[in-house]
Amino acid sequence: MNEQRYRDPQDYSLIGKIGLFFFEVIKIALFAGITIGLVRYFLFKPFYVKGQSMEPTYHEREYLIVDEITYRFKDPERGDVLVVRSPISDGEFYLKRIIGLPNERIKLEDNTIIIYNNDYPQGIILDESYLIEETPGSVQVTLGSNEYFVLGDNRDASYDSRRFGPINKDSIIGKTWLRGWPLNKISIIEPPKYNL
C-alpha cells in the first residue's frame, strides 16, 4: 500500500519559494486590476478639468472622481456638478452645474435666474452666493420631464444651456464626488445650499 506524503512548506527549495511568491504577487495584481477596471467602468471615473468654465469652483488641471452609480437610484439635484456628454460634439464632455430641474420653467434676465415650479408658481430668484460673476444673457425655457438646465460657474466663459439648450438625463455621465488633485485641495464635493 502506497502512502501519500505531503511536503512541509519548509522543505521547498529557495527557487520554489521564490516561484510561489511571484505566483501570489501575480494573482493579487490580476485580481486588483480586474477590480479596479470594474470599479472604474461601472462606478467611478476620473475626470481631468480643462478650461475655465467652472472657476472659481474648479480650476484647470484639477483631477476629479465622478460618481456614476448614484443617478441609477435617485434623480440629479439642483446644485450638483455633472460631467455630461456634449450635445453638439461627439466625444466631448462638459463639466456643468444643474440649475433647472425637470418640468420647471427657467427665466434668465438682468443677471438674475428665476425658477418657476409647483412650489413657486410665481417664481423665485435663485440665490447663487457662491458665484463671483453675474449671469449674462437672456433665456426663457420650460424643461421637459427628462431635461435639466445646466450652467458653468464662470458664467462669462461657459458654453452651457444658455447656448445649447437643456440637456437630457441620458447625456449625464455622473456627478463629481471627489477632488483628488492637487493634494492640498483633496476634498469630498458638496453642492451649495439654495433658497428653494
N, C-alpha and C. Protein backbone atom coordinates (compact mmCIF):
# COMPACT_ATOMS: atom_id res chain seq x y z
N MET A 1 0.85 -1.19 0.00
CA MET A 1 0.00 0.00 0.00
C MET A 1 0.89 1.24 0.00
N ASN A 2 0.64 2.10 -1.02
CA ASN A 2 1.43 3.33 -1.10
C ASN A 2 0.90 4.36 -0.14
N GLU A 3 1.79 4.96 0.55
CA GLU A 3 1.40 6.01 1.49
C GLU A 3 1.69 7.37 0.86
N GLN A 4 0.65 8.22 0.80
CA GLN A 4 0.84 9.54 0.19
C GLN A 4 1.49 10.46 1.19
N ARG A 5 2.50 11.18 0.72
CA ARG A 5 3.23 12.07 1.61
C ARG A 5 2.97 13.51 1.21
N TYR A 6 2.87 14.38 2.18
CA TYR A 6 2.74 15.82 1.96
C TYR A 6 4.02 16.49 2.42
N ARG A 7 4.49 17.38 1.57
CA ARG A 7 5.73 18.07 1.93
C ARG A 7 5.43 19.26 2.81
N ASP A 8 6.23 19.40 3.81
CA ASP A 8 6.17 20.57 4.65
C ASP A 8 6.61 21.77 3.81
N PRO A 9 5.89 22.92 3.87
CA PRO A 9 6.30 24.08 3.08
C PRO A 9 7.75 24.47 3.32
N GLN A 10 8.29 24.13 4.48
CA GLN A 10 9.69 24.48 4.77
C GLN A 10 10.66 23.61 3.97
N ASP A 11 10.15 22.52 3.37
CA ASP A 11 11.01 21.64 2.59
C ASP A 11 11.28 22.19 1.19
N TYR A 12 10.49 23.17 0.74
CA TYR A 12 10.68 23.71 -0.60
C TYR A 12 12.05 24.36 -0.73
N SER A 13 12.59 24.26 -1.90
CA SER A 13 13.88 24.91 -2.15
C SER A 13 13.66 26.41 -2.26
N LEU A 14 14.74 27.14 -2.23
CA LEU A 14 14.68 28.60 -2.35
C LEU A 14 14.01 29.00 -3.66
N ILE A 15 14.33 28.32 -4.74
CA ILE A 15 13.74 28.63 -6.05
C ILE A 15 12.23 28.38 -6.00
N GLY A 16 11.83 27.32 -5.37
CA GLY A 16 10.39 27.02 -5.24
C GLY A 16 9.67 28.08 -4.44
N LYS A 17 10.30 28.57 -3.37
CA LYS A 17 9.69 29.61 -2.54
C LYS A 17 9.56 30.92 -3.32
N ILE A 18 10.58 31.25 -4.10
CA ILE A 18 10.53 32.47 -4.90
C ILE A 18 9.43 32.35 -5.96
N GLY A 19 9.34 31.17 -6.57
CA GLY A 19 8.30 30.92 -7.57
C GLY A 19 6.90 31.09 -6.98
N LEU A 20 6.68 30.52 -5.79
CA LEU A 20 5.39 30.67 -5.12
C LEU A 20 5.09 32.14 -4.80
N PHE A 21 6.13 32.86 -4.35
CA PHE A 21 5.95 34.28 -4.03
C PHE A 21 5.49 35.05 -5.27
N PHE A 22 6.18 34.84 -6.41
CA PHE A 22 5.81 35.56 -7.63
C PHE A 22 4.43 35.14 -8.14
N PHE A 23 4.09 33.89 -7.96
CA PHE A 23 2.76 33.43 -8.35
C PHE A 23 1.68 34.15 -7.54
N GLU A 24 1.92 34.30 -6.23
CA GLU A 24 0.96 35.01 -5.38
C GLU A 24 0.87 36.50 -5.76
N VAL A 25 2.01 37.11 -6.06
CA VAL A 25 2.03 38.52 -6.48
C VAL A 25 1.23 38.70 -7.76
N ILE A 26 1.43 37.79 -8.73
CA ILE A 26 0.69 37.87 -9.99
C ILE A 26 -0.80 37.70 -9.75
N LYS A 27 -1.19 36.78 -8.90
CA LYS A 27 -2.62 36.59 -8.58
C LYS A 27 -3.22 37.85 -7.98
N ILE A 28 -2.51 38.46 -7.03
CA ILE A 28 -3.00 39.68 -6.37
C ILE A 28 -3.10 40.82 -7.38
N ALA A 29 -2.08 40.98 -8.21
CA ALA A 29 -2.09 42.06 -9.21
C ALA A 29 -3.21 41.87 -10.21
N LEU A 30 -3.44 40.64 -10.64
CA LEU A 30 -4.52 40.35 -11.58
C LEU A 30 -5.88 40.65 -10.95
N PHE A 31 -6.08 40.20 -9.73
CA PHE A 31 -7.35 40.46 -9.04
C PHE A 31 -7.56 41.96 -8.83
N ALA A 32 -6.49 42.67 -8.42
CA ALA A 32 -6.60 44.12 -8.22
C ALA A 32 -6.91 44.83 -9.53
N GLY A 33 -6.27 44.41 -10.62
CA GLY A 33 -6.52 45.01 -11.92
C GLY A 33 -7.95 44.83 -12.38
N ILE A 34 -8.48 43.63 -12.20
CA ILE A 34 -9.88 43.37 -12.58
C ILE A 34 -10.83 44.21 -11.73
N THR A 35 -10.56 44.26 -10.42
CA THR A 35 -11.41 45.04 -9.52
C THR A 35 -11.39 46.53 -9.88
N ILE A 36 -10.19 47.07 -10.10
CA ILE A 36 -10.08 48.49 -10.46
C ILE A 36 -10.77 48.75 -11.79
N GLY A 37 -10.61 47.85 -12.75
CA GLY A 37 -11.27 48.01 -14.04
C GLY A 37 -12.78 48.03 -13.91
N LEU A 38 -13.33 47.11 -13.12
CA LEU A 38 -14.79 47.07 -12.94
C LEU A 38 -15.30 48.32 -12.22
N VAL A 39 -14.58 48.73 -11.17
CA VAL A 39 -14.99 49.93 -10.43
C VAL A 39 -14.93 51.15 -11.34
N ARG A 40 -13.86 51.25 -12.11
CA ARG A 40 -13.71 52.41 -12.99
C ARG A 40 -14.73 52.40 -14.12
N TYR A 41 -15.08 51.25 -14.62
CA TYR A 41 -16.02 51.18 -15.75
C TYR A 41 -17.46 51.39 -15.31
N PHE A 42 -17.83 50.84 -14.15
CA PHE A 42 -19.24 50.86 -13.74
C PHE A 42 -19.58 51.85 -12.63
N LEU A 43 -18.62 52.26 -11.80
CA LEU A 43 -18.95 53.06 -10.63
C LEU A 43 -18.34 54.45 -10.61
N PHE A 44 -17.05 54.55 -10.78
CA PHE A 44 -16.35 55.83 -10.67
C PHE A 44 -15.40 56.00 -11.84
N LYS A 45 -15.31 57.24 -12.34
CA LYS A 45 -14.38 57.54 -13.43
C LYS A 45 -13.59 58.78 -13.08
N PRO A 46 -12.34 58.82 -13.50
CA PRO A 46 -11.58 60.05 -13.31
C PRO A 46 -11.95 61.07 -14.38
N PHE A 47 -11.85 62.33 -14.03
CA PHE A 47 -12.14 63.41 -14.98
C PHE A 47 -11.13 64.52 -14.75
N TYR A 48 -10.52 64.97 -15.80
CA TYR A 48 -9.49 65.99 -15.75
C TYR A 48 -10.12 67.30 -16.22
N VAL A 49 -10.06 68.34 -15.41
CA VAL A 49 -10.70 69.62 -15.73
C VAL A 49 -9.89 70.36 -16.79
N LYS A 50 -10.59 70.75 -17.86
CA LYS A 50 -9.97 71.56 -18.91
C LYS A 50 -10.80 72.82 -19.08
N GLY A 51 -10.15 73.94 -19.17
CA GLY A 51 -10.86 75.20 -19.37
C GLY A 51 -11.22 75.89 -18.07
N GLN A 52 -11.87 77.05 -18.21
CA GLN A 52 -12.19 77.87 -17.04
C GLN A 52 -13.68 78.02 -16.78
N SER A 53 -14.51 77.19 -17.40
CA SER A 53 -15.95 77.40 -17.30
C SER A 53 -16.52 77.16 -15.90
N MET A 54 -15.78 76.46 -15.02
CA MET A 54 -16.30 76.19 -13.68
C MET A 54 -15.53 76.93 -12.59
N GLU A 55 -14.67 77.88 -12.97
CA GLU A 55 -13.99 78.67 -11.94
C GLU A 55 -15.00 79.58 -11.26
N PRO A 56 -14.89 79.85 -9.99
CA PRO A 56 -13.79 79.53 -9.07
C PRO A 56 -13.95 78.18 -8.37
N THR A 57 -14.98 77.42 -8.69
CA THR A 57 -15.20 76.14 -8.00
C THR A 57 -14.16 75.11 -8.39
N TYR A 58 -13.90 74.97 -9.69
CA TYR A 58 -12.91 74.03 -10.20
C TYR A 58 -11.98 74.77 -11.14
N HIS A 59 -10.71 74.40 -11.09
CA HIS A 59 -9.71 75.06 -11.92
C HIS A 59 -9.08 74.06 -12.89
N GLU A 60 -8.54 74.60 -13.95
CA GLU A 60 -7.89 73.76 -14.95
C GLU A 60 -6.84 72.88 -14.30
N ARG A 61 -6.76 71.64 -14.81
CA ARG A 61 -5.81 70.61 -14.38
C ARG A 61 -6.15 69.96 -13.05
N GLU A 62 -7.29 70.29 -12.47
CA GLU A 62 -7.71 69.55 -11.27
C GLU A 62 -8.22 68.18 -11.72
N TYR A 63 -8.07 67.22 -10.84
CA TYR A 63 -8.43 65.83 -11.12
C TYR A 63 -9.61 65.46 -10.24
N LEU A 64 -10.73 65.11 -10.87
CA LEU A 64 -11.95 64.80 -10.14
C LEU A 64 -12.31 63.34 -10.31
N ILE A 65 -12.96 62.78 -9.30
CA ILE A 65 -13.54 61.44 -9.40
C ILE A 65 -15.04 61.62 -9.56
N VAL A 66 -15.59 61.00 -10.60
CA VAL A 66 -17.01 61.14 -10.95
C VAL A 66 -17.77 59.89 -10.53
N ASP A 67 -18.83 60.09 -9.76
CA ASP A 67 -19.70 59.02 -9.28
C ASP A 67 -20.73 58.71 -10.38
N GLU A 68 -20.66 57.49 -10.92
CA GLU A 68 -21.57 57.09 -12.00
C GLU A 68 -22.75 56.26 -11.51
N ILE A 69 -22.78 55.92 -10.24
CA ILE A 69 -23.82 55.00 -9.78
C ILE A 69 -25.01 55.69 -9.10
N THR A 70 -24.79 56.83 -8.45
CA THR A 70 -25.85 57.48 -7.66
C THR A 70 -27.11 57.73 -8.47
N TYR A 71 -26.97 58.20 -9.71
CA TYR A 71 -28.14 58.55 -10.51
C TYR A 71 -28.88 57.34 -11.06
N ARG A 72 -28.40 56.16 -10.79
CA ARG A 72 -29.17 54.95 -11.12
C ARG A 72 -30.25 54.71 -10.08
N PHE A 73 -30.09 55.34 -8.90
CA PHE A 73 -31.01 55.13 -7.80
C PHE A 73 -31.79 56.38 -7.39
N LYS A 74 -31.30 57.55 -7.77
CA LYS A 74 -32.01 58.79 -7.44
C LYS A 74 -31.77 59.82 -8.53
N ASP A 75 -32.64 60.79 -8.59
CA ASP A 75 -32.54 61.81 -9.63
C ASP A 75 -31.49 62.86 -9.27
N PRO A 76 -30.89 63.47 -10.29
CA PRO A 76 -29.97 64.58 -10.04
C PRO A 76 -30.68 65.71 -9.31
N GLU A 77 -29.93 66.47 -8.52
CA GLU A 77 -30.50 67.57 -7.74
C GLU A 77 -29.90 68.90 -8.15
N ARG A 78 -30.63 69.95 -7.89
CA ARG A 78 -30.13 71.30 -8.17
C ARG A 78 -28.82 71.53 -7.41
N GLY A 79 -27.84 72.05 -8.10
CA GLY A 79 -26.55 72.32 -7.48
C GLY A 79 -25.50 71.26 -7.74
N ASP A 80 -25.94 70.05 -8.12
CA ASP A 80 -24.96 69.00 -8.43
C ASP A 80 -24.11 69.45 -9.62
N VAL A 81 -22.83 69.15 -9.56
CA VAL A 81 -21.94 69.39 -10.70
C VAL A 81 -21.79 68.07 -11.44
N LEU A 82 -22.08 68.12 -12.73
CA LEU A 82 -22.13 66.93 -13.55
C LEU A 82 -21.03 66.91 -14.61
N VAL A 83 -20.69 65.71 -15.02
CA VAL A 83 -19.99 65.53 -16.28
C VAL A 83 -21.05 65.06 -17.27
N VAL A 84 -21.20 65.81 -18.37
CA VAL A 84 -22.22 65.49 -19.37
C VAL A 84 -21.57 65.37 -20.75
N ARG A 85 -22.18 64.52 -21.57
CA ARG A 85 -21.75 64.43 -22.96
C ARG A 85 -22.15 65.72 -23.67
N SER A 86 -21.29 66.21 -24.52
CA SER A 86 -21.60 67.41 -25.28
C SER A 86 -22.81 67.13 -26.18
N PRO A 87 -23.81 68.02 -26.16
CA PRO A 87 -24.97 67.81 -27.03
C PRO A 87 -24.68 68.14 -28.50
N ILE A 88 -23.51 68.70 -28.77
CA ILE A 88 -23.23 69.11 -30.15
C ILE A 88 -21.98 68.47 -30.75
N SER A 89 -21.14 67.82 -29.94
CA SER A 89 -19.88 67.29 -30.45
C SER A 89 -19.58 65.93 -29.83
N ASP A 90 -19.55 64.90 -30.66
CA ASP A 90 -19.28 63.55 -30.17
C ASP A 90 -17.89 63.47 -29.54
N GLY A 91 -17.80 62.74 -28.45
CA GLY A 91 -16.52 62.51 -27.80
C GLY A 91 -16.07 63.62 -26.87
N GLU A 92 -16.84 64.69 -26.75
CA GLU A 92 -16.50 65.77 -25.83
C GLU A 92 -17.39 65.70 -24.60
N PHE A 93 -16.85 66.16 -23.47
CA PHE A 93 -17.59 66.16 -22.22
C PHE A 93 -17.48 67.53 -21.57
N TYR A 94 -18.55 67.93 -20.89
CA TYR A 94 -18.57 69.22 -20.21
C TYR A 94 -18.77 69.00 -18.72
N LEU A 95 -18.25 69.93 -17.95
CA LEU A 95 -18.45 69.97 -16.50
C LEU A 95 -19.37 71.14 -16.23
N LYS A 96 -20.60 70.87 -15.73
CA LYS A 96 -21.61 71.92 -15.53
C LYS A 96 -22.39 71.68 -14.25
N ARG A 97 -23.04 72.75 -13.77
CA ARG A 97 -23.86 72.68 -12.55
C ARG A 97 -25.34 72.68 -12.94
N ILE A 98 -26.13 71.83 -12.26
CA ILE A 98 -27.57 71.81 -12.50
C ILE A 98 -28.21 73.04 -11.86
N ILE A 99 -28.94 73.80 -12.67
CA ILE A 99 -29.68 74.97 -12.19
C ILE A 99 -31.18 74.71 -12.25
N GLY A 100 -31.65 74.13 -13.34
CA GLY A 100 -33.08 73.86 -13.51
C GLY A 100 -33.37 72.38 -13.58
N LEU A 101 -34.46 71.97 -12.92
CA LEU A 101 -34.87 70.57 -12.85
C LEU A 101 -36.03 70.29 -13.80
N PRO A 102 -36.31 69.00 -14.07
CA PRO A 102 -37.39 68.65 -14.99
C PRO A 102 -38.71 69.33 -14.63
N ASN A 103 -39.43 69.75 -15.67
CA ASN A 103 -40.76 70.38 -15.59
C ASN A 103 -40.74 71.78 -14.99
N GLU A 104 -39.58 72.35 -14.75
CA GLU A 104 -39.51 73.73 -14.27
C GLU A 104 -39.40 74.68 -15.46
N ARG A 105 -39.75 75.93 -15.19
CA ARG A 105 -39.51 76.99 -16.17
C ARG A 105 -38.39 77.85 -15.63
N ILE A 106 -37.41 78.13 -16.48
CA ILE A 106 -36.23 78.91 -16.09
C ILE A 106 -36.26 80.21 -16.87
N LYS A 107 -36.10 81.31 -16.16
CA LYS A 107 -36.05 82.61 -16.82
C LYS A 107 -34.77 83.31 -16.36
N LEU A 108 -33.98 83.72 -17.34
CA LEU A 108 -32.74 84.42 -17.06
C LEU A 108 -32.81 85.79 -17.71
N GLU A 109 -32.75 86.82 -16.88
CA GLU A 109 -32.72 88.19 -17.41
C GLU A 109 -32.13 89.11 -16.35
N ASP A 110 -31.46 90.15 -16.82
CA ASP A 110 -30.85 91.14 -15.91
C ASP A 110 -29.97 90.49 -14.85
N ASN A 111 -29.17 89.49 -15.27
CA ASN A 111 -28.24 88.79 -14.38
C ASN A 111 -28.94 88.06 -13.23
N THR A 112 -30.19 87.71 -13.43
CA THR A 112 -30.98 87.04 -12.40
C THR A 112 -31.60 85.77 -12.98
N ILE A 113 -31.54 84.70 -12.20
CA ILE A 113 -32.21 83.44 -12.60
C ILE A 113 -33.45 83.28 -11.75
N ILE A 114 -34.58 83.11 -12.42
CA ILE A 114 -35.86 82.91 -11.73
C ILE A 114 -36.35 81.50 -12.05
N ILE A 115 -36.71 80.76 -11.01
CA ILE A 115 -37.19 79.38 -11.14
C ILE A 115 -38.70 79.38 -10.90
N TYR A 116 -39.44 78.79 -11.82
CA TYR A 116 -40.89 78.60 -11.68
C TYR A 116 -41.15 77.10 -11.61
N ASN A 117 -41.84 76.68 -10.54
CA ASN A 117 -42.20 75.27 -10.41
C ASN A 117 -43.47 75.17 -9.56
N ASN A 118 -43.86 73.96 -9.18
CA ASN A 118 -45.10 73.77 -8.39
C ASN A 118 -45.04 74.48 -7.04
N ASP A 119 -43.86 74.51 -6.43
CA ASP A 119 -43.72 75.17 -5.13
C ASP A 119 -43.68 76.69 -5.27
N TYR A 120 -43.23 77.18 -6.41
CA TYR A 120 -43.10 78.63 -6.64
C TYR A 120 -43.70 79.00 -7.99
N PRO A 121 -45.04 78.92 -8.11
CA PRO A 121 -45.67 79.22 -9.41
C PRO A 121 -45.46 80.68 -9.83
N GLN A 122 -45.24 81.58 -8.88
CA GLN A 122 -44.99 82.98 -9.21
C GLN A 122 -43.49 83.23 -9.45
N GLY A 123 -42.68 82.21 -9.20
CA GLY A 123 -41.25 82.30 -9.43
C GLY A 123 -40.48 82.71 -8.19
N ILE A 124 -39.24 82.26 -8.11
CA ILE A 124 -38.34 82.64 -7.02
C ILE A 124 -36.96 82.87 -7.61
N ILE A 125 -36.29 83.91 -7.17
CA ILE A 125 -34.95 84.21 -7.64
C ILE A 125 -33.97 83.24 -6.97
N LEU A 126 -33.15 82.60 -7.79
CA LEU A 126 -32.18 81.64 -7.28
C LEU A 126 -30.99 82.39 -6.68
N ASP A 127 -30.73 82.15 -5.40
CA ASP A 127 -29.61 82.78 -4.71
C ASP A 127 -28.35 81.95 -4.97
N GLU A 128 -27.41 82.53 -5.71
CA GLU A 128 -26.16 81.83 -6.02
C GLU A 128 -24.98 82.61 -5.42
N SER A 129 -24.96 82.69 -4.12
CA SER A 129 -23.94 83.49 -3.43
C SER A 129 -22.53 82.92 -3.58
N TYR A 130 -22.39 81.69 -4.06
CA TYR A 130 -21.07 81.09 -4.25
C TYR A 130 -20.38 81.62 -5.52
N LEU A 131 -21.12 82.36 -6.35
CA LEU A 131 -20.56 82.87 -7.61
C LEU A 131 -19.87 84.21 -7.41
N ILE A 132 -18.86 84.44 -8.24
CA ILE A 132 -18.19 85.74 -8.28
C ILE A 132 -18.79 86.58 -9.39
N GLU A 133 -19.03 85.94 -10.55
CA GLU A 133 -19.55 86.63 -11.72
C GLU A 133 -21.07 86.63 -11.73
N GLU A 134 -21.64 87.61 -12.42
CA GLU A 134 -23.07 87.60 -12.66
C GLU A 134 -23.37 86.70 -13.85
N THR A 135 -24.66 86.51 -14.14
CA THR A 135 -25.06 85.61 -15.21
C THR A 135 -25.62 86.41 -16.38
N PRO A 136 -24.79 86.68 -17.39
CA PRO A 136 -25.27 87.44 -18.53
C PRO A 136 -26.17 86.59 -19.43
N GLY A 137 -26.92 87.27 -20.26
CA GLY A 137 -27.77 86.57 -21.22
C GLY A 137 -29.23 86.78 -20.92
N SER A 138 -30.04 86.33 -21.85
CA SER A 138 -31.49 86.40 -21.70
C SER A 138 -32.07 85.12 -22.27
N VAL A 139 -32.63 84.29 -21.38
CA VAL A 139 -33.14 82.97 -21.78
C VAL A 139 -34.44 82.72 -21.04
N GLN A 140 -35.35 82.04 -21.70
CA GLN A 140 -36.55 81.55 -21.04
C GLN A 140 -36.86 80.19 -21.64
N VAL A 141 -36.90 79.17 -20.80
CA VAL A 141 -37.10 77.80 -21.28
C VAL A 141 -37.94 77.02 -20.29
N THR A 142 -38.84 76.18 -20.83
CA THR A 142 -39.59 75.25 -19.99
C THR A 142 -39.00 73.86 -20.24
N LEU A 143 -38.60 73.21 -19.16
CA LEU A 143 -37.92 71.93 -19.26
C LEU A 143 -38.92 70.79 -19.36
N GLY A 144 -38.57 69.77 -20.13
CA GLY A 144 -39.37 68.57 -20.23
C GLY A 144 -39.18 67.67 -19.02
N SER A 145 -39.84 66.53 -19.03
CA SER A 145 -39.82 65.65 -17.87
C SER A 145 -38.48 64.95 -17.66
N ASN A 146 -37.60 65.04 -18.63
CA ASN A 146 -36.30 64.39 -18.53
C ASN A 146 -35.16 65.36 -18.83
N GLU A 147 -35.40 66.66 -18.66
CA GLU A 147 -34.43 67.67 -19.05
C GLU A 147 -33.92 68.48 -17.87
N TYR A 148 -32.68 68.97 -18.02
CA TYR A 148 -32.03 69.78 -16.99
C TYR A 148 -31.40 71.00 -17.64
N PHE A 149 -31.43 72.12 -16.93
CA PHE A 149 -30.79 73.35 -17.37
C PHE A 149 -29.49 73.45 -16.61
N VAL A 150 -28.36 73.51 -17.33
CA VAL A 150 -27.04 73.49 -16.68
C VAL A 150 -26.24 74.73 -17.08
N LEU A 151 -25.45 75.21 -16.12
CA LEU A 151 -24.59 76.37 -16.35
C LEU A 151 -23.21 76.11 -15.76
N GLY A 152 -22.20 76.77 -16.31
CA GLY A 152 -20.89 76.78 -15.68
C GLY A 152 -20.86 77.85 -14.61
N ASP A 153 -19.99 77.72 -13.63
CA ASP A 153 -19.91 78.72 -12.56
C ASP A 153 -19.24 80.01 -13.02
N ASN A 154 -18.39 79.92 -14.02
CA ASN A 154 -17.77 81.10 -14.59
C ASN A 154 -18.64 81.52 -15.78
N ARG A 155 -19.68 82.26 -15.50
CA ARG A 155 -20.74 82.49 -16.47
C ARG A 155 -20.26 83.22 -17.73
N ASP A 156 -19.24 84.07 -17.62
CA ASP A 156 -18.73 84.77 -18.80
C ASP A 156 -17.95 83.84 -19.73
N ALA A 157 -17.43 82.74 -19.21
CA ALA A 157 -16.56 81.86 -20.02
C ALA A 157 -17.14 80.47 -20.19
N SER A 158 -18.45 80.32 -20.02
CA SER A 158 -19.05 78.99 -20.06
C SER A 158 -19.96 78.80 -21.26
N TYR A 159 -19.75 77.70 -21.95
CA TYR A 159 -20.64 77.27 -23.02
C TYR A 159 -21.61 76.30 -22.38
N ASP A 160 -22.88 76.68 -22.24
CA ASP A 160 -23.81 75.90 -21.43
C ASP A 160 -25.23 75.98 -21.99
N SER A 161 -26.23 75.70 -21.15
CA SER A 161 -27.62 75.64 -21.62
C SER A 161 -28.15 76.96 -22.15
N ARG A 162 -27.47 78.06 -21.87
CA ARG A 162 -27.87 79.32 -22.47
C ARG A 162 -27.68 79.28 -23.97
N ARG A 163 -26.74 78.45 -24.43
CA ARG A 163 -26.44 78.37 -25.87
C ARG A 163 -26.93 77.07 -26.49
N PHE A 164 -26.67 75.92 -25.84
CA PHE A 164 -27.05 74.65 -26.46
C PHE A 164 -28.37 74.10 -25.95
N GLY A 165 -29.03 74.80 -25.03
CA GLY A 165 -30.33 74.37 -24.53
C GLY A 165 -30.23 73.35 -23.41
N PRO A 166 -31.37 72.82 -22.98
CA PRO A 166 -31.38 71.84 -21.89
C PRO A 166 -30.66 70.56 -22.30
N ILE A 167 -30.19 69.83 -21.30
CA ILE A 167 -29.59 68.51 -21.57
C ILE A 167 -30.56 67.43 -21.12
N ASN A 168 -30.50 66.31 -21.79
CA ASN A 168 -31.33 65.16 -21.43
C ASN A 168 -30.62 64.33 -20.37
N LYS A 169 -31.39 63.69 -19.52
CA LYS A 169 -30.79 62.87 -18.45
C LYS A 169 -29.86 61.80 -19.02
N ASP A 170 -30.17 61.30 -20.20
CA ASP A 170 -29.34 60.26 -20.81
C ASP A 170 -27.92 60.73 -21.12
N SER A 171 -27.73 62.04 -21.21
CA SER A 171 -26.39 62.55 -21.54
C SER A 171 -25.52 62.75 -20.30
N ILE A 172 -26.08 62.50 -19.11
CA ILE A 172 -25.32 62.67 -17.87
C ILE A 172 -24.45 61.44 -17.63
N ILE A 173 -23.15 61.68 -17.47
CA ILE A 173 -22.20 60.60 -17.15
C ILE A 173 -22.23 60.32 -15.65
N GLY A 174 -22.22 61.36 -14.84
CA GLY A 174 -22.24 61.20 -13.39
C GLY A 174 -21.99 62.53 -12.71
N LYS A 175 -21.99 62.51 -11.39
CA LYS A 175 -21.76 63.73 -10.62
C LYS A 175 -20.37 63.71 -10.01
N THR A 176 -19.79 64.90 -9.88
CA THR A 176 -18.48 64.97 -9.27
C THR A 176 -18.60 64.58 -7.79
N TRP A 177 -17.65 63.78 -7.35
CA TRP A 177 -17.72 63.26 -5.98
C TRP A 177 -16.51 63.67 -5.16
N LEU A 178 -15.33 63.62 -5.77
CA LEU A 178 -14.10 63.85 -5.01
C LEU A 178 -13.11 64.63 -5.87
N ARG A 179 -12.51 65.65 -5.27
CA ARG A 179 -11.39 66.32 -5.92
C ARG A 179 -10.13 65.62 -5.43
N GLY A 180 -9.38 65.00 -6.36
CA GLY A 180 -8.21 64.21 -5.97
C GLY A 180 -6.88 64.87 -6.23
N TRP A 181 -6.89 65.99 -6.94
CA TRP A 181 -5.65 66.69 -7.24
C TRP A 181 -5.97 68.15 -7.48
N PRO A 182 -5.16 69.07 -7.03
CA PRO A 182 -3.88 68.90 -6.33
C PRO A 182 -4.08 68.43 -4.89
N LEU A 183 -3.00 67.93 -4.32
CA LEU A 183 -3.08 67.31 -2.99
C LEU A 183 -3.60 68.26 -1.92
N ASN A 184 -3.28 69.54 -2.02
CA ASN A 184 -3.72 70.48 -0.98
C ASN A 184 -5.21 70.83 -1.11
N LYS A 185 -5.88 70.31 -2.16
CA LYS A 185 -7.31 70.58 -2.34
C LYS A 185 -8.16 69.31 -2.32
N ILE A 186 -7.59 68.19 -1.90
CA ILE A 186 -8.37 66.95 -1.86
C ILE A 186 -9.58 67.15 -0.96
N SER A 187 -10.76 66.85 -1.49
CA SER A 187 -11.98 67.05 -0.71
C SER A 187 -13.16 66.35 -1.35
N ILE A 188 -14.13 65.98 -0.50
CA ILE A 188 -15.42 65.50 -0.98
C ILE A 188 -16.19 66.72 -1.46
N ILE A 189 -16.89 66.58 -2.58
CA ILE A 189 -17.57 67.73 -3.18
C ILE A 189 -19.02 67.76 -2.74
N GLU A 190 -19.43 68.87 -2.15
CA GLU A 190 -20.80 69.06 -1.69
C GLU A 190 -21.47 70.16 -2.52
N PRO A 191 -22.73 69.95 -2.92
CA PRO A 191 -23.42 71.01 -3.66
C PRO A 191 -23.78 72.17 -2.74
N PRO A 192 -23.97 73.37 -3.31
CA PRO A 192 -24.36 74.51 -2.46
C PRO A 192 -25.78 74.37 -1.94
N LYS A 193 -26.09 75.09 -0.90
CA LYS A 193 -27.45 75.14 -0.35
C LYS A 193 -28.18 76.31 -1.01
N TYR A 194 -29.34 76.03 -1.56
CA TYR A 194 -30.12 77.07 -2.21
C TYR A 194 -31.27 77.52 -1.34
N ASN A 195 -31.91 78.60 -1.75
CA ASN A 195 -33.04 79.16 -1.01
C ASN A 195 -34.36 78.54 -1.42
N LEU A 196 -34.35 77.45 -2.16
CA LEU A 196 -35.58 76.78 -2.59
C LEU A 196 -35.87 75.59 -1.69
